[in-house]
């Protein structure tokens, strides 16, 4: 086999691979991932919201009590 033909073929394949446009698919995948994370965060906040509010209320009450004593 001709070494020059092999080299030209390899360069051509490398050029095609570099020029191939995959940015759109990657952006869509990242967009879906961000959307899924956002849904998970919202669901967690909706489920744990009342408990978090109660926890922060206890912290505020404790800080106010400590502030009043000093």
C-alpha atoms as a PDB file:
ATOM      1  CA  UNK A   1       0.000   0.000   0.000  1.00  0.00           C
ATOM      2  CA  UNK A   2       1.182   3.488  -0.810  1.00  0.00           C
ATOM      3  CA  UNK A   3       2.238   5.311   2.392  1.00  0.00           C
ATOM      4  CA  UNK A   4       1.262   8.659   0.898  1.00  0.00           C
ATOM      5  CA  UNK A   5      -2.276   7.421   0.153  1.00  0.00           C
ATOM      6  CA  UNK A   6      -2.571   6.153   3.728  1.00  0.00           C
ATOM      7  CA  UNK A   7      -1.409   9.490   5.090  1.00  0.00           C
ATOM      8  CA  UNK A   8      -3.844  11.407   2.880  1.00  0.00           C
ATOM      9  CA  UNK A   9      -6.681   9.130   3.993  1.00  0.00           C
ATOM     10  CA  UNK A  10      -5.804   9.584   7.679  1.00  0.00           C
ATOM     11  CA  UNK A  11      -5.593  13.354   7.308  1.00  0.00           C
ATOM     12  CA  UNK A  12      -8.920  13.393   5.481  1.00  0.00           C
ATOM     13  CA  UNK A  13     -10.587  11.311   8.203  1.00  0.00           C
ATOM     14  CA  UNK A  14      -9.122  13.500  10.937  1.00  0.00           C
ATOM     15  CA  UNK A  15     -10.296  16.633   9.134  1.00  0.00           C
ATOM     16  CA  UNK A  16     -13.826  15.241   8.775  1.00  0.00           C
ATOM     17  CA  UNK A  17     -13.923  14.299  12.444  1.00  0.00           C
ATOM     18  CA  UNK A  18     -12.762  17.745  13.564  1.00  0.00           C
ATOM     19  CA  UNK A  19     -15.213  19.521  11.289  1.00  0.00           C
ATOM     20  CA  UNK A  20     -18.161  17.374  12.341  1.00  0.00           C
ATOM     21  CA  UNK A  21     -20.673  19.524  14.159  1.00  0.00           C
ATOM     22  CA  UNK A  22     -21.656  17.958  17.482  1.00  0.00           C
ATOM     23  CA  UNK A  23     -22.113  21.140  19.471  1.00  0.00           C
ATOM     24  CA  UNK A  24     -25.887  21.159  18.999  1.00  0.00           C
ATOM     25  CA  UNK A  25     -26.358  17.668  20.417  1.00  0.00           C
ATOM     26  CA  UNK A  26     -24.111  18.444  23.363  1.00  0.00           C
ATOM     27  CA  UNK A  27     -26.000  21.644  24.119  1.00  0.00           C
ATOM     28  CA  UNK A  28     -29.302  19.765  24.080  1.00  0.00           C
ATOM     29  CA  UNK A  29     -27.918  17.137  26.442  1.00  0.00           C
ATOM     30  CA  UNK A  30     -26.674  19.789  28.860  1.00  0.00           C
ATOM     31  CA  UNK A  31     -30.012  21.582  28.632  1.00  0.00           C
ATOM     32  CA  UNK A  32     -31.874  18.397  29.517  1.00  0.00           C
ATOM     33  CA  UNK A  33     -29.512  17.762  32.411  1.00  0.00           C
ATOM     34  CA  UNK A  34     -30.001  21.280  33.787  1.00  0.00           C
ATOM     35  CA  UNK A  35     -33.771  20.899  33.448  1.00  0.00           C
ATOM     36  CA  UNK A  36     -33.721  17.595  35.311  1.00  0.00           C
ATOM     37  CA  UNK A  37     -31.643  19.088  38.120  1.00  0.00           C
ATOM     38  CA  UNK A  38     -34.034  22.038  38.373  1.00  0.00           C
ATOM     39  CA  UNK A  39     -37.027  19.692  38.633  1.00  0.00           C
ATOM     40  CA  UNK A  40     -35.270  17.701  41.363  1.00  0.00           C
ATOM     41  CA  UNK A  41     -34.483  20.866  43.347  1.00  0.00           C
ATOM     42  CA  UNK A  42     -38.047  22.160  43.052  1.00  0.00           C
ATOM     43  CA  UNK A  43     -39.513  18.795  44.091  1.00  0.00           C
ATOM     44  CA  UNK A  44     -37.179  18.635  47.090  1.00  0.00           C
ATOM     45  CA  UNK A  45     -38.097  22.141  48.196  1.00  0.00           C
ATOM     46  CA  UNK A  46     -41.806  21.414  47.830  1.00  0.00           C
ATOM     47  CA  UNK A  47     -41.513  18.235  49.874  1.00  0.00           C
ATOM     48  CA  UNK A  48     -39.199  19.599  52.567  1.00  0.00           C
ATOM     49  CA  UNK A  49     -40.389  23.216  52.551  1.00  0.00           C
ATOM     50  CA  UNK A  50     -42.565  23.093  55.678  1.00  0.00           C
ATOM     51  CA  UNK A  51     -39.901  21.230  57.663  1.00  0.00           C
ATOM     52  CA  UNK A  52     -37.218  23.704  56.569  1.00  0.00           C
ATOM     53  CA  UNK A  53     -39.447  26.623  57.555  1.00  0.00           C
ATOM     54  CA  UNK A  54     -40.000  25.086  61.012  1.00  0.00           C
ATOM     55  CA  UNK A  55     -36.266  24.513  61.405  1.00  0.00           C
ATOM     56  CA  UNK A  56     -35.427  28.108  60.502  1.00  0.00           C
ATOM     57  CA  UNK A  57     -38.170  29.375  62.823  1.00  0.00           C
ATOM     58  CA  UNK A  58     -36.568  27.419  65.688  1.00  0.00           C
ATOM     59  CA  UNK A  59     -33.150  28.849  64.828  1.00  0.00           C
ATOM     60  CA  UNK A  60     -34.509  32.406  64.738  1.00  0.00           C
ATOM     61  CA  UNK A  61     -36.326  31.898  68.041  1.00  0.00           C
ATOM     62  CA  UNK A  62     -33.164  30.511  69.613  1.00  0.00           C
ATOM     63  CA  UNK A  63     -31.084  33.419  68.342  1.00  0.00           C
ATOM     64  CA  UNK A  64     -33.622  35.945  69.582  1.00  0.00           C
ATOM     65  CA  UNK A  65     -33.648  34.264  72.999  1.00  0.00           C
ATOM     66  CA  UNK A  66     -29.855  34.264  73.174  1.00  0.00           C
ATOM     67  CA  UNK A  67     -29.765  37.908  72.109  1.00  0.00           C
ATOM     68  CA  UNK A  68     -32.316  38.885  74.789  1.00  0.00           C
ATOM     69  CA  UNK A  69     -30.271  37.181  77.536  1.00  0.00           C
ATOM     70  CA  UNK A  70     -27.069  39.057  76.743  1.00  0.00           C
END
